[in-house]
Amino acid sequence: MSGDPTRSPRHIEIVNQYKKARVAPPGADSGLKLRPRDASVYLALEPYLRRRWPRTLISSTRLLSGRLSDPRVGRDIFVGVLAGLLMQ
């Protein structure tokens, strides 16, 4: 077979089917994007929080390092879920 395989009719058909199939509704990933404004706010607040309330950052650090069975991480997840349920 000569030529570019990405230009074959079968390849183009598969790509078009993939584009038509939506796994998630449009805009569902917008909540996962870190915007420059959000990053700026985090970078501005993080040193202040680390000085004033160092314990507030402990569970997020442990969670990001993969320590899911840590009691502090479990407590904070429980409190967060409970607060979310009470706000509904």
C-alpha atoms as a PDB file:
ATOM      1  CA  MET A   1       0.000   0.000   0.000  1.00  0.00           C
ATOM      2  CA  SER A   2       1.502   3.279  -1.014  1.00  0.00           C
ATOM      3  CA  GLY A   3       0.754   6.754   0.156  1.00  0.00           C
ATOM      4  CA  ASP A   4      -0.184   8.170   3.497  1.00  0.00           C
ATOM      5  CA  PRO A   5      -2.223   5.675   5.593  1.00  0.00           C
ATOM      6  CA  THR A   6      -3.893   8.556   7.458  1.00  0.00           C
ATOM      7  CA  ARG A   7      -5.529   9.594   4.178  1.00  0.00           C
ATOM      8  CA  SER A   8      -7.168   6.236   3.497  1.00  0.00           C
ATOM      9  CA  PRO A   9     -10.977   6.270   3.356  1.00  0.00           C
ATOM     10  CA  ARG A  10     -11.172   3.782   6.253  1.00  0.00           C
ATOM     11  CA  HIS A  11      -8.980   5.948   8.469  1.00  0.00           C
ATOM     12  CA  ILE A  12     -10.998   9.072   7.682  1.00  0.00           C
ATOM     13  CA  GLU A  13     -14.229   7.179   8.441  1.00  0.00           C
ATOM     14  CA  ILE A  14     -12.897   6.044  11.842  1.00  0.00           C
ATOM     15  CA  VAL A  15     -11.731   9.559  12.711  1.00  0.00           C
ATOM     16  CA  ASN A  16     -15.127  11.027  11.777  1.00  0.00           C
ATOM     17  CA  GLN A  17     -16.929   8.422  13.908  1.00  0.00           C
ATOM     18  CA  TYR A  18     -14.638   9.223  16.822  1.00  0.00           C
ATOM     19  CA  LYS A  19     -15.352  12.940  16.474  1.00  0.00           C
ATOM     20  CA  LYS A  20     -19.123  12.344  16.404  1.00  0.00           C
ATOM     21  CA  ALA A  21     -19.101  10.115  19.499  1.00  0.00           C
ATOM     22  CA  ARG A  22     -19.213  12.217  22.635  1.00  0.00           C
ATOM     23  CA  VAL A  23     -18.149  10.550  25.837  1.00  0.00           C
ATOM     24  CA  ALA A  24     -19.164  13.470  28.027  1.00  0.00           C
ATOM     25  CA  PRO A  25     -21.570  16.352  27.422  1.00  0.00           C
ATOM     26  CA  PRO A  26     -20.036  19.495  25.936  1.00  0.00           C
ATOM     27  CA  GLY A  27     -18.366  21.624  28.560  1.00  0.00           C
ATOM     28  CA  ALA A  28     -18.053  18.815  31.100  1.00  0.00           C
ATOM     29  CA  ASP A  29     -14.286  19.193  31.214  1.00  0.00           C
ATOM     30  CA  SER A  30     -14.381  22.940  31.845  1.00  0.00           C
ATOM     31  CA  GLY A  31     -14.406  22.352  35.602  1.00  0.00           C
ATOM     32  CA  LEU A  32     -11.157  20.435  35.374  1.00  0.00           C
ATOM     33  CA  LYS A  33      -9.158  23.159  33.690  1.00  0.00           C
ATOM     34  CA  LEU A  34      -6.886  25.287  35.826  1.00  0.00           C
ATOM     35  CA  ARG A  35      -7.317  28.830  34.648  1.00  0.00           C
ATOM     36  CA  PRO A  36      -4.505  31.385  34.984  1.00  0.00           C
ATOM     37  CA  ARG A  37      -6.625  33.399  37.406  1.00  0.00           C
ATOM     38  CA  ASP A  38      -7.151  30.331  39.620  1.00  0.00           C
ATOM     39  CA  ALA A  39      -3.451  29.550  39.577  1.00  0.00           C
ATOM     40  CA  SER A  40      -2.635  33.157  40.510  1.00  0.00           C
ATOM     41  CA  VAL A  41      -5.038  33.083  43.456  1.00  0.00           C
ATOM     42  CA  TYR A  42      -3.554  29.794  44.658  1.00  0.00           C
ATOM     43  CA  LEU A  43      -0.006  31.091  44.344  1.00  0.00           C
ATOM     44  CA  ALA A  44      -0.967  34.255  46.230  1.00  0.00           C
ATOM     45  CA  LEU A  45      -2.760  32.485  49.096  1.00  0.00           C
ATOM     46  CA  GLU A  46      -0.566  29.412  49.564  1.00  0.00           C
ATOM     47  CA  PRO A  47       2.356  31.103  51.414  1.00  0.00           C
ATOM     48  CA  TYR A  48      -0.070  32.960  53.679  1.00  0.00           C
ATOM     49  CA  LEU A  49      -1.982  29.778  54.517  1.00  0.00           C
ATOM     50  CA  ARG A  50       1.230  27.845  55.043  1.00  0.00           C
ATOM     51  CA  ARG A  51       2.353  30.443  57.620  1.00  0.00           C
ATOM     52  CA  ARG A  52      -0.992  30.973  59.367  1.00  0.00           C
ATOM     53  CA  TRP A  53      -2.619  27.517  59.231  1.00  0.00           C
ATOM     54  CA  PRO A  54      -0.055  24.899  58.240  1.00  0.00           C
ATOM     55  CA  ARG A  55      -2.412  22.077  59.228  1.00  0.00           C
ATOM     56  CA  THR A  56      -4.829  23.037  56.457  1.00  0.00           C
ATOM     57  CA  LEU A  57      -2.343  21.957  53.809  1.00  0.00           C
ATOM     58  CA  ILE A  58      -1.263  18.697  55.458  1.00  0.00           C
ATOM     59  CA  SER A  59      -4.135  16.536  54.226  1.00  0.00           C
ATOM     60  CA  SER A  60      -3.942  17.827  50.651  1.00  0.00           C
ATOM     61  CA  THR A  61      -0.210  17.103  50.597  1.00  0.00           C
ATOM     62  CA  ARG A  62      -0.793  13.601  51.957  1.00  0.00           C
ATOM     63  CA  LEU A  63      -3.609  12.979  49.482  1.00  0.00           C
ATOM     64  CA  LEU A  64      -1.493  14.064  46.523  1.00  0.00           C
ATOM     65  CA  SER A  65       1.339  11.808  47.677  1.00  0.00           C
ATOM     66  CA  GLY A  66      -1.028   8.816  47.546  1.00  0.00           C
ATOM     67  CA  ARG A  67      -1.590   8.265  51.266  1.00  0.00           C
ATOM     68  CA  LEU A  68      -5.335   7.590  50.962  1.00  0.00           C
ATOM     69  CA  SER A  69      -5.508   5.564  54.182  1.00  0.00           C
ATOM     70  CA  ASP A  70      -4.182   8.437  56.302  1.00  0.00           C
ATOM     71  CA  PRO A  71      -6.667   9.325  59.112  1.00  0.00           C
ATOM     72  CA  ARG A  72      -6.372  13.078  58.506  1.00  0.00           C
ATOM     73  CA  VAL A  73      -7.135  12.644  54.795  1.00  0.00           C
ATOM     74  CA  GLY A  74     -10.154  10.477  55.616  1.00  0.00           C
ATOM     75  CA  ARG A  75     -11.411  12.980  58.151  1.00  0.00           C
ATOM     76  CA  ASP A  76     -11.122  15.903  55.762  1.00  0.00           C
ATOM     77  CA  ILE A  77     -12.829  13.998  52.942  1.00  0.00           C
ATOM     78  CA  PHE A  78     -15.644  13.026  55.327  1.00  0.00           C
ATOM     79  CA  VAL A  79     -16.076  16.613  56.529  1.00  0.00           C
ATOM     80  CA  GLY A  80     -16.066  17.885  52.941  1.00  0.00           C
ATOM     81  CA  VAL A  81     -18.660  15.380  51.772  1.00  0.00           C
ATOM     82  CA  LEU A  82     -20.826  16.066  54.816  1.00  0.00           C
ATOM     83  CA  ALA A  83     -20.625  19.819  54.247  1.00  0.00           C
ATOM     84  CA  GLY A  84     -21.498  19.337  50.574  1.00  0.00           C
ATOM     85  CA  LEU A  85     -24.543  17.254  51.488  1.00  0.00           C
ATOM     86  CA  LEU A  86     -25.722  19.785  54.047  1.00  0.00           C
ATOM     87  CA  MET A  87     -25.480  22.626  51.515  1.00  0.00           C
ATOM     88  CA  GLN A  88     -27.887  20.954  49.082  1.00  0.00           C
END
